[in-house]
């Protein structure tokens, strides 16, 4: 037996040694590739300077909006970003194009548009500014829907190819939410969801079979307002009868339709393929957006832009890759802005549905402290609701677009229970206990009325604190805040009427307003993004990056259970 045990230990050690050496080789190999890529990136960058496009008079900048324009670019070597631009750089380049006398206009390709509604609004206003300055905005799309057509309406001319296979899908609205209670009952899984706020509907699809009237009321009101704005915009921009086009859209005349139907009702201008448009402009006058370099202004006075994008979580790796908001990263970025004497003010760009109540509180409090030393303006992107709005409430001034999503002031706790499922799969769970409520967050405990009351009482305190933060931050009466809270969700234009938002405007409007308050005539902007650790860079860019991302997402999602959360429940 001892001999067999020795053989077993020996083989185990050999196996562990092989595994260790294999992964050591993999890490060293990819580190070597990483270093080589940095060197190659530098060489390519140097050589590319000689081959940069020469801008001719009458040129057009080709902008493909099918590419990603995220709010926040990771602080990575430029060669790893593969020529990517973030949304702010898109705006600043458009400002440069507006000032460039050699540029006659832009060719905007709107297929596979990834921008949210707030970004579409802000980009649309920049396109209007180009047109006001005599620049031409030509829009081309092979597929048009409500979202990209809303942006296309800002063009001088809209083109589609003259083929029946070019797809048009312009309609009213449709959204759905799956309700899992029936399936959960069959599996033996129960979700204990405790809401504070009648309209705080996050998690109701785990505890109900049908949509609550509060959820339906919120979602219908928001979508009706968005659709109404869309119809008004079509009528105004295309000079068509509002009632006629509304009736045609709602009748489904532009669902699974084609360009000829669009032309018939003056919703587009002409039929043309992309190459025909480029030939008309002149192939030598088409400049790729990535090759256009705007003149950047350098000034001793600066405004910092910090991004808070994604789900708010308490724990995260410093400088970690991915769109999650956690206190450590925001603290570091705020601290850099505070210590830099050239930075006179801060714009926090928020695009978040919320998340951890505790993390939201920590970030909000730090923001309040920083604002005592330097003004902090808030720019709401597509959504700053629930925890996202909790953070925003302590800003000196809040800007949002008309169709930004905000509000959702309420609290929810979600605790799953797998007790019945354990019985169904014949797993017996034994436990020992000492102390009242020590098993409150057990995954196999059946909730009692006392348990639920315990969590509800705690959540009410968290909700009241939320009300206090909003009331104090916005200078509103606490009782009034309660009437517009309770989980109710508002568009930006509604938020302005209610006092949750100060001004309607985008990121650049926020920056301009802050500069005006600071009496800055000549200033520049700097985006502060916490540096990524080499470990995270490797995780992201080696072949296993998807695996590491999924593992990270699982750990973040766990923070949305067992504890009070501020989370926006709707998909709009």
Protein backbone atom coordinates (compact mmCIF):
# COMPACT_ATOMS: atom_id res chain seq x y z
CA UNK A 1 0.00 0.00 0.00
CA UNK A 2 2.82 2.38 0.87
CA UNK A 3 4.45 1.64 -2.46
CA UNK A 4 1.21 2.38 -4.36
CA UNK A 5 0.73 5.57 -2.34
CA UNK A 6 4.27 6.68 -3.17
CA UNK A 7 3.67 6.00 -6.86
CA UNK A 8 0.41 7.95 -6.67
CA UNK A 9 2.12 10.95 -5.01
CA UNK A 10 4.95 10.84 -7.54
CA UNK A 11 2.53 10.82 -10.50
CA UNK A 12 0.53 13.65 -8.93
CA UNK A 13 3.67 15.75 -8.53
CA UNK A 14 4.67 15.07 -12.14
CA UNK A 15 1.21 16.06 -13.33
CA UNK A 16 1.22 19.27 -11.27
CA UNK A 17 4.72 20.08 -12.57
CA UNK A 18 3.57 19.63 -16.18
CA UNK A 19 0.49 21.80 -15.62
CA UNK A 20 2.58 24.49 -13.91
CA UNK A 21 5.16 24.52 -16.68
CA UNK A 22 2.49 24.57 -19.36
CA UNK A 23 0.76 27.65 -17.93
CA UNK A 24 4.12 29.28 -17.22
CA UNK A 25 5.00 28.84 -20.89
CA UNK A 26 1.62 30.24 -21.98
CA UNK A 27 2.01 33.34 -19.79
CA UNK A 28 5.60 33.95 -20.93
CA UNK A 29 4.62 33.40 -24.56
CA UNK A 30 1.82 35.95 -24.45
CA UNK A 31 3.97 38.41 -22.48
CA UNK A 32 6.55 38.16 -25.26
CA UNK A 33 3.84 38.71 -27.86
CA UNK A 34 2.58 41.67 -25.87
CA UNK A 35 6.03 43.32 -25.80
CA UNK A 36 6.52 42.62 -29.52
CA UNK A 37 3.12 44.11 -30.25
CA UNK A 38 4.05 47.31 -28.38
CA UNK A 39 7.22 47.63 -30.46
CA UNK A 40 5.36 46.86 -33.69
CA UNK A 41 2.63 49.33 -32.73
CA UNK A 42 5.23 52.05 -32.28
CA UNK A 43 6.81 51.27 -35.67
CA UNK A 44 3.42 51.28 -37.40
CA UNK A 45 2.48 54.53 -35.71
CA UNK A 46 5.71 56.13 -36.91
CA UNK A 47 5.31 54.83 -40.47
CA UNK A 48 1.65 55.83 -40.60
CA UNK A 49 2.57 59.48 -40.11
CA UNK A 50 4.03 59.48 -43.62
CA UNK A 51 0.89 58.00 -45.15
CA UNK A 52 -1.72 60.18 -43.47
CA UNK A 53 -4.45 61.42 -45.79
CA UNK A 54 -3.94 64.81 -47.37
CA UNK A 55 -7.11 66.86 -46.97
CA UNK A 56 -8.16 68.48 -50.24
CA UNK A 57 -10.55 71.39 -50.59
CA UNK A 58 -14.14 70.17 -50.80
CA UNK A 59 -13.43 66.92 -48.93
CA UNK A 60 -16.00 64.83 -47.08
CA UNK A 61 -15.31 62.94 -43.87
CA UNK A 62 -16.74 59.42 -43.94
CA UNK A 63 -18.16 58.43 -40.54
CA UNK A 64 -19.24 54.82 -40.06
CA UNK A 65 -21.55 54.68 -37.04
CA UNK A 66 -21.59 50.90 -37.23
CA UNK A 67 -18.33 51.07 -35.28
CA UNK A 68 -18.38 51.26 -31.50
CA UNK A 69 -18.12 54.68 -29.86
CA UNK A 70 -18.16 53.86 -26.14
CA UNK A 71 -18.29 56.58 -23.51
CA UNK A 72 -15.04 55.47 -21.90
CA UNK A 73 -12.03 54.06 -23.73
CA UNK A 74 -9.75 51.88 -21.67
CA UNK A 75 -6.37 53.40 -20.83
CA UNK A 76 -4.47 50.95 -23.03
CA UNK A 77 -1.68 51.30 -25.60
CA UNK A 78 -3.17 52.82 -28.74
CA UNK A 79 -2.35 49.82 -30.92
CA UNK A 80 -4.56 47.66 -28.70
CA UNK A 81 -7.47 50.05 -29.21
CA UNK A 82 -7.27 49.35 -32.96
CA UNK A 83 -8.05 52.93 -33.94
CA UNK A 84 -11.14 53.08 -31.75
CA UNK A 85 -12.66 56.41 -30.77
CA UNK A 86 -14.92 57.15 -27.85
CA UNK A 87 -18.07 59.23 -28.04
CA UNK A 88 -16.43 62.42 -26.75
CA UNK A 89 -13.69 62.24 -29.40
CA UNK A 90 -16.44 61.81 -32.03
CA UNK A 91 -17.98 65.07 -30.83
CA UNK A 92 -14.68 66.96 -30.70
CA UNK A 93 -13.71 65.80 -34.20
CA UNK A 94 -17.06 67.04 -35.48
CA UNK A 95 -16.28 70.40 -33.90
CA UNK A 96 -12.93 70.35 -35.71
CA UNK A 97 -14.67 69.47 -38.99
CA UNK A 98 -17.02 72.40 -38.44
CA UNK A 99 -14.05 74.79 -38.21
CA UNK A 100 -12.10 73.23 -41.09
CA UNK A 101 -12.55 75.29 -44.26
CA UNK A 102 -11.29 72.44 -46.45
CA UNK A 103 -14.12 70.15 -45.36
CA UNK A 104 -17.32 70.48 -47.36
CA UNK A 105 -19.34 67.97 -45.37
CA UNK A 106 -19.68 64.49 -43.90
CA UNK A 107 -20.89 61.17 -45.29
CA UNK A 108 -22.70 59.50 -42.42
CA UNK A 109 -23.28 55.73 -42.59
CA UNK A 110 -25.99 54.82 -40.08
CA UNK A 111 -26.28 51.03 -40.41
CA UNK A 112 -25.79 48.95 -37.23
CA UNK A 113 -25.96 52.08 -35.08
CA UNK A 114 -24.85 51.34 -31.52
CA UNK A 115 -25.47 54.77 -29.92
CA UNK A 116 -28.12 55.19 -27.23
CA UNK A 117 -30.89 57.79 -27.46
CA UNK A 118 -29.04 60.45 -25.50
CA UNK A 119 -25.98 60.05 -27.74
CA UNK A 120 -28.19 60.25 -30.82
CA UNK A 121 -29.67 63.52 -29.53
CA UNK A 122 -26.26 65.05 -28.89
CA UNK A 123 -24.75 63.83 -32.14
CA UNK A 124 -27.82 65.13 -33.97
CA UNK A 125 -27.30 68.60 -32.52
CA UNK A 126 -23.68 68.52 -33.75
CA UNK A 127 -24.87 67.60 -37.25
CA UNK A 128 -27.33 70.51 -37.11
CA UNK A 129 -24.44 72.77 -36.18
CA UNK A 130 -22.52 71.58 -39.25
CA UNK A 131 -25.48 72.37 -41.48
CA UNK A 132 -25.92 75.81 -39.92
CA UNK A 133 -22.28 76.49 -40.77
CA UNK A 134 -22.81 75.60 -44.43
CA UNK A 135 -21.47 72.03 -44.24
CA UNK A 136 -23.43 69.26 -45.93
CA UNK A 137 -24.56 66.13 -44.10
CA UNK A 138 -25.22 63.19 -46.44
CA UNK A 139 -26.78 60.14 -44.77
CA UNK A 140 -26.59 56.64 -46.23
CA UNK A 141 -28.21 53.46 -44.93
CA UNK A 142 -29.16 50.10 -46.35
CA UNK A 143 -31.41 49.38 -43.35
CA UNK A 144 -33.45 51.96 -41.49
CA UNK A 145 -35.26 51.59 -38.17
CA UNK A 146 -36.62 53.97 -35.53
CA UNK A 147 -33.24 54.47 -33.90
CA UNK A 148 -30.95 55.15 -36.85
CA UNK A 149 -33.67 56.98 -38.80
CA UNK A 150 -34.01 59.38 -35.86
CA UNK A 151 -30.37 60.32 -36.45
CA UNK A 152 -30.71 60.28 -40.25
CA UNK A 153 -33.34 63.03 -39.93
CA UNK A 154 -30.50 65.46 -39.11
CA UNK A 155 -29.03 65.07 -42.62
CA UNK A 156 -29.45 67.34 -45.62
CA UNK A 157 -30.11 64.28 -47.76
CA UNK A 158 -30.95 60.66 -46.94
CA UNK A 159 -30.02 57.94 -49.44
CA UNK A 160 -30.88 54.26 -49.64
CA UNK A 161 -30.00 51.79 -52.40
CA UNK A 162 -32.81 51.30 -54.91
CA UNK A 163 -33.49 47.66 -54.17
CA UNK A 164 -36.44 45.85 -52.65
CA UNK A 165 -34.07 43.92 -50.38
CA UNK A 166 -32.98 47.06 -48.52
CA UNK A 167 -34.84 46.75 -45.23
CA UNK A 168 -37.07 49.33 -43.57
CA UNK A 169 -38.56 48.65 -40.14
CA UNK A 170 -40.07 51.85 -38.74
CA UNK A 171 -42.88 51.18 -36.31
CA UNK A 172 -44.48 52.16 -33.02
CA UNK A 173 -42.82 50.38 -30.12
CA UNK A 174 -42.63 46.92 -28.65
CA UNK A 175 -40.91 45.59 -25.56
CA UNK A 176 -41.28 42.39 -23.60
CA UNK A 177 -40.22 40.96 -20.29
CA UNK A 178 -40.18 37.25 -19.50
CA UNK A 179 -41.84 36.22 -16.23
CA UNK A 180 -40.20 33.19 -14.63
CA UNK A 181 -42.40 32.37 -11.62
CA UNK A 182 -44.00 29.36 -13.32
CA UNK A 183 -40.62 27.92 -14.28
CA UNK A 184 -39.17 28.75 -10.86
CA UNK A 185 -42.06 26.92 -9.18
CA UNK A 186 -41.45 23.84 -11.32
CA UNK A 187 -37.75 23.89 -10.52
CA UNK A 188 -38.39 24.47 -6.83
CA UNK A 189 -36.71 27.89 -6.76
CA UNK A 190 -38.27 30.80 -4.92
CA UNK A 191 -37.17 34.43 -5.09
CA UNK A 192 -37.85 36.68 -2.13
CA UNK A 193 -38.02 40.20 -3.55
CA UNK A 194 -38.62 43.08 -1.15
CA UNK A 195 -39.43 46.44 -2.78
CA UNK A 196 -39.52 49.87 -1.21
CA UNK A 197 -41.47 51.99 -3.66
CA UNK A 198 -44.57 50.75 -5.48
CA UNK A 199 -42.94 51.42 -8.86
CA UNK A 200 -39.61 49.78 -8.00
CA UNK A 201 -40.25 46.77 -10.21
CA UNK A 202 -36.81 45.18 -10.44
CA UNK A 203 -37.14 41.43 -9.83
CA UNK A 204 -40.93 41.26 -10.16
CA UNK A 205 -40.57 38.85 -13.09
CA UNK A 206 -39.19 36.28 -10.61
CA UNK A 207 -42.15 36.56 -8.24
CA UNK A 208 -45.10 37.18 -10.59
CA UNK A 209 -46.60 35.52 -13.62
CA UNK A 210 -47.84 38.78 -15.13
CA UNK A 211 -46.74 42.40 -15.36
CA UNK A 212 -47.74 44.68 -12.49
CA UNK A 213 -49.88 47.74 -13.26
CA UNK A 214 -47.07 49.96 -11.93
CA UNK A 215 -44.52 48.45 -14.29
CA UNK A 216 -46.93 48.73 -17.21
CA UNK A 217 -47.76 52.34 -16.34
CA UNK A 218 -44.08 53.34 -16.25
CA UNK A 219 -43.07 51.52 -19.44
CA UNK A 220 -46.09 52.72 -21.47
CA UNK A 221 -45.66 56.36 -20.39
CA UNK A 222 -41.97 56.39 -21.27
CA UNK A 223 -42.41 54.68 -24.63
CA UNK A 224 -45.41 56.85 -25.56
CA UNK A 225 -43.35 59.98 -24.90
CA UNK A 226 -40.39 58.68 -26.91
CA UNK A 227 -42.66 57.70 -29.82
CA UNK A 228 -44.44 61.07 -29.74
CA UNK A 229 -41.07 62.88 -29.92
CA UNK A 230 -40.12 60.66 -32.88
CA UNK A 231 -43.29 61.51 -34.84
CA UNK A 232 -42.87 65.22 -34.13
CA UNK A 233 -39.30 65.02 -35.39
CA UNK A 234 -40.28 63.26 -38.63
CA UNK A 235 -43.05 65.78 -39.30
CA UNK A 236 -40.78 68.76 -38.63
CA UNK A 237 -37.68 67.57 -40.46
CA UNK A 238 -39.26 65.90 -43.49
CA UNK A 239 -42.16 68.37 -43.81
CA UNK A 240 -44.83 65.66 -43.85
CA UNK A 241 -48.28 65.66 -42.30
CA UNK A 242 -47.99 64.48 -38.70
CA UNK A 243 -51.36 62.70 -38.50
CA UNK A 244 -50.80 60.98 -41.84
CA UNK A 245 -47.35 59.66 -41.05
CA UNK A 246 -48.44 58.61 -37.55
CA UNK A 247 -51.35 56.59 -38.94
CA UNK A 248 -49.16 54.98 -41.62
CA UNK A 249 -46.50 53.97 -39.09
CA UNK A 250 -49.03 52.56 -36.63
CA UNK A 251 -50.78 50.69 -39.45
CA UNK A 252 -47.49 48.89 -40.13
CA UNK A 253 -46.89 50.41 -43.57
CA UNK A 254 -43.18 50.77 -42.84
CA UNK A 255 -42.67 47.40 -41.16
CA UNK A 256 -40.72 44.91 -43.28
CA UNK A 257 -40.89 47.56 -45.96
CA UNK A 258 -38.50 48.96 -48.59
CA UNK A 259 -36.93 52.21 -49.83
CA UNK A 260 -39.62 52.86 -52.45
CA UNK A 261 -42.25 53.18 -49.73
CA UNK A 262 -39.97 55.62 -47.89
CA UNK A 263 -39.46 57.71 -51.03
CA UNK A 264 -43.19 57.73 -51.76
CA UNK A 265 -43.89 59.52 -48.47
CA UNK A 266 -40.81 61.80 -48.69
CA UNK A 267 -39.03 60.04 -45.81
CA UNK A 268 -35.83 59.70 -47.86
CA UNK A 269 -34.50 61.80 -50.74
CA UNK A 270 -33.03 59.56 -53.43
CA UNK A 271 -31.90 56.03 -54.33
CA UNK A 272 -28.15 55.49 -54.56
CA UNK A 273 -25.52 52.93 -53.63
CA UNK A 274 -22.56 53.93 -51.49
CA UNK A 275 -20.08 53.81 -54.38
CA UNK A 276 -22.33 56.06 -56.48
CA UNK A 277 -22.40 58.67 -53.71
CA UNK A 278 -18.62 58.52 -53.39
CA UNK A 279 -18.14 58.87 -57.15
CA UNK A 280 -20.37 61.95 -57.15
CA UNK A 281 -18.29 63.50 -54.37
CA UNK A 282 -14.98 62.33 -55.81
CA UNK A 283 -13.14 59.27 -54.50
CA UNK A 284 -10.04 61.37 -53.77
CA UNK A 285 -12.09 63.68 -51.56
CA UNK A 286 -13.37 60.96 -49.21
CA UNK A 287 -11.40 60.93 -45.94
CA UNK A 288 -11.91 58.20 -43.34
CA UNK A 289 -12.94 59.55 -39.95
CA UNK A 290 -10.07 57.70 -38.26
CA UNK A 291 -7.57 59.53 -40.49
CA UNK A 292 -8.91 62.98 -39.73
CA UNK A 293 -6.97 64.82 -37.05
CA UNK A 294 -8.64 67.80 -35.42
CA UNK A 295 -6.58 70.69 -34.10
CA UNK A 296 -6.46 70.19 -30.35
CA UNK A 297 -6.40 73.26 -28.16
CA UNK A 298 -3.77 73.38 -25.43
CA UNK A 299 -4.39 75.55 -22.41
CA UNK A 300 -3.11 75.90 -18.88
CA UNK A 301 -6.71 75.74 -17.65
CA UNK A 302 -8.41 72.39 -18.01
CA UNK A 303 -11.69 70.62 -17.30
CA UNK A 304 -11.54 66.94 -16.39
CA UNK A 305 -13.99 64.37 -17.77
CA UNK A 306 -14.50 61.26 -15.64
CA UNK A 307 -16.69 58.36 -16.72
CA UNK A 308 -19.06 56.35 -14.55
CA UNK A 309 -20.43 53.71 -16.91
CA UNK A 310 -22.03 50.35 -16.18
CA UNK A 311 -23.37 48.55 -13.13
CA UNK A 312 -22.32 49.97 -9.76
CA UNK A 313 -20.51 47.36 -7.67
CA UNK A 314 -18.64 47.56 -4.38
CA UNK A 315 -15.58 45.53 -5.30
CA UNK A 316 -13.50 45.60 -8.43
CA UNK A 317 -9.89 45.43 -9.47
CA UNK A 318 -8.14 48.78 -9.64
CA UNK A 319 -8.12 49.84 -13.25
CA UNK A 320 -9.99 46.70 -14.23
CA UNK A 321 -11.16 46.24 -17.79
CA UNK A 322 -14.86 46.40 -18.52
CA UNK A 323 -17.80 48.66 -17.90
CA UNK A 324 -18.46 48.52 -14.18
CA UNK A 325 -18.39 51.35 -11.67
CA UNK A 326 -16.70 50.71 -8.36
CA UNK A 327 -15.62 53.18 -5.68
CA UNK A 328 -11.86 52.51 -5.81
CA UNK A 329 -11.55 53.51 -9.47
CA UNK A 330 -13.82 56.57 -9.21
CA UNK A 331 -11.99 57.68 -6.03
CA UNK A 332 -8.61 57.48 -7.77
CA UNK A 333 -9.82 59.41 -10.80
CA UNK A 334 -11.48 62.09 -8.68
CA UNK A 335 -8.35 62.40 -6.57
CA UNK A 336 -6.20 62.95 -9.66
CA UNK A 337 -8.54 65.72 -10.80
CA UNK A 338 -8.53 67.31 -7.34
CA UNK A 339 -4.73 67.35 -6.99
CA UNK A 340 -4.04 68.65 -10.51
CA UNK A 341 -3.93 72.44 -10.16
CA UNK A 342 -4.48 72.96 -13.87
CA UNK A 343 -7.89 71.25 -13.57
CA UNK A 344 -10.45 73.85 -12.54
CA UNK A 345 -13.59 71.73 -12.63
CA UNK A 346 -14.88 68.19 -13.20
CA UNK A 347 -17.58 66.75 -15.46
CA UNK A 348 -18.79 63.32 -14.39
CA UNK A 349 -20.42 61.51 -17.31
CA UNK A 350 -22.85 58.92 -15.92
CA UNK A 351 -24.34 56.09 -17.92
CA UNK A 352 -25.56 53.59 -15.35
CA UNK A 353 -28.73 51.69 -14.36
CA UNK A 354 -27.49 51.57 -10.75
CA UNK A 355 -26.45 48.64 -8.59
CA UNK A 356 -25.04 48.35 -5.08
CA UNK A 357 -26.64 50.79 -2.62
CA UNK A 358 -23.49 50.89 -0.52
CA UNK A 359 -21.16 51.54 -3.46
CA UNK A 360 -23.52 54.27 -4.71
CA UNK A 361 -23.46 55.92 -1.28
CA UNK A 362 -19.66 55.83 -1.05
CA UNK A 363 -19.21 57.38 -4.49
CA UNK A 364 -21.91 59.99 -3.86
CA UNK A 365 -20.31 61.04 -0.58
CA UNK A 366 -16.85 61.34 -2.16
CA UNK A 367 -18.36 63.43 -4.94
CA UNK A 368 -19.91 65.72 -2.34
CA UNK A 369 -16.52 66.21 -0.67
CA UNK A 370 -14.70 66.86 -3.95
CA UNK A 371 -17.33 69.42 -5.00
CA UNK A 372 -16.38 71.55 -1.98
CA UNK A 373 -12.98 72.10 -3.61
CA UNK A 374 -13.79 71.99 -7.31
CA UNK A 375 -17.20 72.21 -9.01
CA UNK A 376 -18.55 68.88 -10.28
CA UNK A 377 -21.10 68.97 -13.09
CA UNK A 378 -23.05 65.85 -14.04
CA UNK A 379 -23.74 64.82 -17.62
CA UNK A 380 -26.35 62.05 -17.85
CA UNK A 381 -25.89 59.85 -20.88
CA UNK A 382 -28.44 57.22 -21.92
CA UNK A 383 -29.37 56.41 -18.33
CA UNK A 384 -28.54 57.59 -14.83
CA UNK A 385 -31.31 55.97 -12.85
CA UNK A 386 -31.58 54.48 -9.37
CA UNK A 387 -27.97 54.19 -8.12
CA UNK A 388 -26.86 56.19 -11.17
CA UNK A 389 -29.07 59.07 -10.06
CA UNK A 390 -28.03 58.62 -6.42
CA UNK A 391 -24.49 59.49 -7.53
CA UNK A 392 -25.69 62.36 -9.73
CA UNK A 393 -27.74 64.02 -6.97
CA UNK A 394 -24.65 65.47 -5.27
CA UNK A 395 -23.36 67.19 -8.40
CA UNK A 396 -23.37 70.99 -8.53
CA UNK A 397 -25.48 70.90 -11.69
CA UNK A 398 -27.13 68.08 -13.66
CA UNK A 399 -27.52 67.98 -17.44
CA UNK A 400 -29.51 65.37 -19.38
CA UNK A 401 -30.83 64.94 -22.90
CA UNK A 402 -34.60 64.97 -23.49
CA UNK A 403 -34.74 61.18 -23.73
CA UNK A 404 -32.13 60.29 -21.13
CA UNK A 405 -33.54 57.98 -18.46
CA UNK A 406 -33.40 59.11 -14.84
CA UNK A 407 -35.20 58.80 -11.51
CA UNK A 408 -36.09 55.26 -10.35
CA UNK A 409 -35.56 56.36 -6.74
CA UNK A 410 -36.29 53.25 -4.73
CA UNK A 411 -34.78 50.16 -3.11
CA UNK A 412 -35.08 46.44 -3.77
CA UNK A 413 -33.57 43.34 -2.16
CA UNK A 414 -33.53 39.98 -3.92
CA UNK A 415 -32.82 36.75 -2.03
CA UNK A 416 -33.19 33.43 -3.90
CA UNK A 417 -34.28 30.22 -2.15
CA UNK A 418 -33.33 26.80 -3.57
CA UNK A 419 -34.85 24.69 -0.78
CA UNK A 420 -37.51 22.93 -2.88
CA UNK A 421 -35.07 22.35 -5.72
CA UNK A 422 -32.69 20.64 -3.31
CA UNK A 423 -35.48 18.26 -2.34
CA UNK A 424 -36.34 17.56 -5.98
CA UNK A 425 -32.79 16.55 -6.80
CA UNK A 426 -32.57 14.57 -3.57
CA UNK A 427 -30.02 16.76 -1.80
CA UNK A 428 -30.43 16.97 1.96
CA UNK A 429 -29.11 20.20 3.49
CA UNK A 430 -28.35 20.05 7.22
CA UNK A 431 -27.58 23.16 9.24
CA UNK A 432 -26.73 24.40 12.70
CA UNK A 433 -27.82 27.76 14.03
CA UNK A 434 -27.23 30.09 16.91
CA UNK A 435 -28.78 33.55 17.10
CA UNK A 436 -31.96 35.04 15.69
CA UNK A 437 -31.82 35.76 11.94
CA UNK A 438 -28.32 34.26 11.59
CA UNK A 439 -29.73 32.17 8.72
CA UNK A 440 -31.50 35.10 7.07
CA UNK A 441 -29.49 34.88 3.85
CA UNK A 442 -29.40 31.11 3.59
CA UNK A 443 -30.14 29.87 0.07
CA UNK A 444 -32.27 27.04 1.45
CA UNK A 445 -34.31 28.92 4.07
CA UNK A 446 -38.04 29.48 3.71
CA UNK A 447 -38.79 33.10 4.53
CA UNK A 448 -41.13 33.84 7.43
CA UNK A 449 -43.17 37.02 7.82
CA UNK A 450 -40.67 38.14 10.46
CA UNK A 451 -37.76 37.59 8.05
CA UNK A 452 -39.42 39.66 5.36
CA UNK A 453 -40.26 42.42 7.83
CA UNK A 454 -36.63 42.45 8.98
CA UNK A 455 -35.37 43.08 5.45
CA UNK A 456 -38.18 45.52 4.64
CA UNK A 457 -37.45 47.61 7.74
CA UNK A 458 -33.77 47.80 6.79
CA UNK A 459 -34.63 48.66 3.17
CA UNK A 460 -36.96 51.46 4.30
CA UNK A 461 -34.02 53.06 6.12
CA UNK A 462 -31.92 52.80 2.95
CA UNK A 463 -34.79 54.32 0.93
CA UNK A 464 -35.19 57.20 3.40
CA UNK A 465 -31.48 57.87 3.11
CA UNK A 466 -31.89 57.97 -0.68
CA UNK A 467 -34.66 60.56 -0.27
CA UNK A 468 -32.41 62.63 2.02
CA UNK A 469 -29.54 62.60 -0.46
CA UNK A 470 -31.78 63.73 -3.33
CA UNK A 471 -33.60 66.36 -1.23
CA UNK A 472 -30.36 67.86 0.11
CA UNK A 473 -28.43 67.57 -3.15
CA UNK A 474 -31.21 69.08 -5.24
CA UNK A 475 -32.53 71.56 -2.66
CA UNK A 476 -35.99 69.99 -2.73
CA UNK A 477 -38.55 69.29 -0.04
CA UNK A 478 -38.18 65.71 1.19
CA UNK A 479 -41.92 65.06 1.10
CA UNK A 480 -42.03 66.24 -2.51
CA UNK A 481 -39.13 63.96 -3.45
CA UNK A 482 -41.09 61.01 -2.05
CA UNK A 483 -44.00 61.79 -4.40
CA UNK A 484 -41.76 61.62 -7.49
CA UNK A 485 -39.70 58.71 -6.13
CA UNK A 486 -41.12 55.29 -5.19
CA UNK A 487 -39.29 53.78 -8.16
CA UNK A 488 -40.93 56.03 -10.77
CA UNK A 489 -38.82 56.50 -13.89
CA UNK A 490 -38.59 59.76 -15.85
CA UNK A 491 -37.21 60.98 -19.15
CA UNK A 492 -34.71 63.85 -19.00
CA UNK A 493 -37.27 66.45 -20.11
CA UNK A 494 -39.66 65.24 -17.39
CA UNK A 495 -36.82 65.26 -14.87
CA UNK A 496 -36.16 68.93 -15.63
CA UNK A 497 -39.81 69.80 -14.97
CA UNK A 498 -39.69 67.85 -11.69
CA UNK A 499 -36.42 69.39 -10.45
CA UNK A 500 -34.30 66.27 -10.81
CA UNK A 501 -32.37 67.82 -13.73
CA UNK A 502 -31.12 71.38 -14.19
CA UNK A 503 -30.65 71.70 -17.94
CA UNK A 504 -31.36 69.79 -21.14
CA UNK A 505 -28.08 69.21 -22.94
CA UNK A 506 -25.32 66.74 -23.69
CA UNK A 507 -21.71 66.27 -22.66
CA UNK A 508 -20.35 69.29 -24.53
CA UNK A 509 -23.15 71.50 -23.20
CA UNK A 510 -22.20 70.42 -19.69
CA UNK A 511 -18.55 71.25 -20.31
CA UNK A 512 -19.40 74.66 -21.82
CA UNK A 513 -21.66 75.55 -18.91
CA UNK A 514 -18.99 74.61 -16.38
CA UNK A 515 -16.38 76.65 -18.26
CA UNK A 516 -18.75 79.62 -18.23
CA UNK A 517 -19.26 79.34 -14.47
CA UNK A 518 -15.49 79.20 -13.99
CA UNK A 519 -14.99 82.20 -16.33
CA UNK A 520 -12.69 80.14 -18.56
CA UNK A 521 -12.32 81.52 -22.08
CA UNK A 522 -9.36 79.42 -23.18
CA UNK A 523 -9.43 75.92 -21.79
CA UNK A 524 -8.92 72.31 -22.82
CA UNK A 525 -10.44 69.04 -21.64
CA UNK A 526 -8.69 65.97 -20.32
CA UNK A 527 -10.29 62.55 -19.91
CA UNK A 528 -9.10 60.85 -16.73
CA UNK A 529 -9.10 57.07 -17.01
CA UNK A 530 -7.44 54.94 -14.34
CA UNK A 531 -4.57 52.91 -15.80
CA UNK A 532 -5.07 49.18 -16.25
CA UNK A 533 -2.77 46.73 -14.58
CA UNK A 534 -0.67 44.55 -16.89
CA UNK A 535 -2.46 41.53 -15.44
CA UNK A 536 -5.82 42.82 -16.61
CA UNK A 537 -4.47 43.78 -20.01
CA UNK A 538 -3.19 40.23 -20.52
CA UNK A 539 -6.51 38.77 -19.37
CA UNK A 540 -8.32 40.94 -21.88
CA UNK A 541 -6.12 40.34 -24.88
CA UNK A 542 -5.08 36.70 -24.65
CA UNK A 543 -7.40 34.08 -26.21
CA UNK A 544 -9.03 33.33 -22.84
CA UNK A 545 -10.31 36.91 -22.39
CA UNK A 546 -13.96 35.91 -22.78
CA UNK A 547 -13.58 33.37 -19.99
CA UNK A 548 -12.05 35.94 -17.63
CA UNK A 549 -14.78 38.45 -18.49
CA UNK A 550 -17.50 35.93 -17.72
CA UNK A 551 -15.90 35.09 -14.36
CA UNK A 552 -15.73 38.81 -13.52
CA UNK A 553 -19.35 39.33 -14.50
CA UNK A 554 -20.45 36.47 -12.24
CA UNK A 555 -18.70 38.02 -9.25
CA UNK A 556 -20.31 41.41 -10.02
CA UNK A 557 -23.79 39.90 -10.39
CA UNK A 558 -23.49 38.29 -6.96
CA UNK A 559 -23.41 41.77 -5.45
CA UNK A 560 -26.97 42.32 -6.67
CA UNK A 561 -28.29 39.65 -4.32
CA UNK A 562 -28.81 39.63 -0.54
CA UNK A 563 -28.13 43.37 -0.11
CA UNK A 564 -30.27 46.47 -0.76
CA UNK A 565 -29.71 47.69 -4.31
CA UNK A 566 -30.66 50.73 -6.34
CA UNK A 567 -31.33 49.26 -9.78
CA UNK A 568 -33.26 50.43 -12.86
CA UNK A 569 -35.59 47.60 -13.91
CA UNK A 570 -36.59 48.50 -17.46
CA UNK A 571 -35.17 47.77 -20.90
CA UNK A 572 -36.00 50.84 -23.02
